[in-house]
Amino acid sequence: MAMSYKTVEVDLQDGRVTPLGQDTLPARAHALLTFLPANGQAPHPAPAGPVRGLRRFLSGPDFPLTPEQFRASMTADFFEQ
């Protein structure tokens, strides 16, 4: 089953959701609500952390191993320090 999502800009006042513009809301739906800053500025991106470094590492080319290094890596216990 394919899922489709639609984003609609809304106003929230006293717990009631009202669509902005020409958009209409369904009579009944399950939705996610994202609160945006009141000043209209875009939220700050999350600070770079270990995930960004890991993503960069995984997206890089593999490093070449000699046949001896490759064979040793197949039997090495990487969790043993």
Protein backbone atom coordinates (compact mmCIF):
# COMPACT_ATOMS: atom_id res chain seq x y z
CA MET A 1 0.00 0.00 0.00
CA ALA A 2 1.49 3.34 -1.08
CA MET A 3 1.33 6.24 1.34
CA SER A 4 0.94 9.80 0.21
CA TYR A 5 1.41 12.91 2.29
CA LYS A 6 0.12 16.43 1.80
CA THR A 7 1.38 19.51 3.59
CA VAL A 8 -1.15 22.25 4.26
CA GLU A 9 -0.42 25.58 5.94
CA VAL A 10 -2.84 26.18 8.79
CA ASP A 11 -3.59 28.54 11.66
CA LEU A 12 -3.99 27.12 15.14
CA GLN A 13 -6.08 29.11 17.61
CA ASP A 14 -7.63 27.84 20.84
CA GLY A 15 -6.89 24.27 19.79
CA ARG A 16 -8.75 24.61 16.50
CA VAL A 17 -7.02 24.10 13.17
CA THR A 18 -8.03 26.33 10.25
CA PRO A 19 -6.49 25.98 6.77
CA LEU A 20 -4.96 29.05 5.12
CA GLY A 21 -5.71 29.99 1.52
CA GLN A 22 -7.74 27.72 -0.72
CA ASP A 23 -6.75 24.47 1.00
CA THR A 24 -9.41 22.38 2.68
CA LEU A 25 -8.96 19.84 5.45
CA PRO A 26 -10.48 16.36 5.30
CA ALA A 27 -13.44 15.63 7.58
CA ARG A 28 -11.37 13.06 9.45
CA ALA A 29 -7.64 12.32 9.17
CA HIS A 30 -4.57 11.21 11.09
CA ALA A 31 -1.92 13.95 10.82
CA LEU A 32 1.39 15.23 12.12
CA LEU A 33 1.59 18.83 13.33
CA THR A 34 4.82 20.83 13.07
CA PHE A 35 5.08 24.09 15.02
CA LEU A 36 6.96 26.80 13.12
CA PRO A 37 8.59 29.84 14.72
CA ALA A 38 6.12 32.69 15.26
CA ASN A 39 8.50 35.24 13.69
CA GLY A 40 8.25 33.63 10.25
CA GLN A 41 11.92 32.68 10.09
CA ALA A 42 12.98 29.21 9.09
CA PRO A 43 13.99 27.00 12.02
CA HIS A 44 17.73 26.55 12.58
CA PRO A 45 19.15 23.32 11.18
CA ALA A 46 20.27 20.71 13.67
CA PRO A 47 23.94 21.04 14.59
CA ALA A 48 26.34 18.78 12.75
CA GLY A 49 27.20 15.76 14.81
CA PRO A 50 28.45 12.23 14.50
CA VAL A 51 25.72 11.30 12.00
CA ARG A 52 27.02 13.86 9.52
CA GLY A 53 30.56 12.50 9.85
CA LEU A 54 29.35 8.92 9.47
CA ARG A 55 27.32 9.85 6.40
CA ARG A 56 30.40 11.50 4.87
CA PHE A 57 32.52 8.43 5.69
CA LEU A 58 30.00 6.01 4.19
CA SER A 59 29.56 8.10 1.05
CA GLY A 60 33.29 8.12 0.29
CA PRO A 61 35.04 5.60 -1.92
CA ASP A 62 36.27 2.38 -0.34
CA PHE A 63 39.95 2.33 0.51
CA PRO A 64 42.04 -0.36 -1.19
CA LEU A 65 43.24 -3.32 0.87
CA THR A 66 46.11 -5.60 0.03
CA PRO A 67 45.13 -9.28 -0.27
CA GLU A 68 46.76 -9.89 3.12
CA GLN A 69 44.78 -7.09 4.78
CA PHE A 70 41.55 -8.35 3.24
CA ARG A 71 42.12 -11.91 4.50
CA ALA A 72 43.00 -10.59 7.97
CA SER A 73 39.84 -8.45 8.03
CA MET A 74 37.68 -11.53 7.41
CA THR A 75 38.86 -13.17 10.65
CA ALA A 76 39.51 -10.11 12.82
CA ASP A 77 37.41 -9.42 15.91
CA PHE A 78 36.73 -5.70 15.55
CA PHE A 79 35.13 -5.44 18.99
CA GLU A 80 38.21 -6.68 20.78
CA GLN A 81 40.37 -3.76 21.84
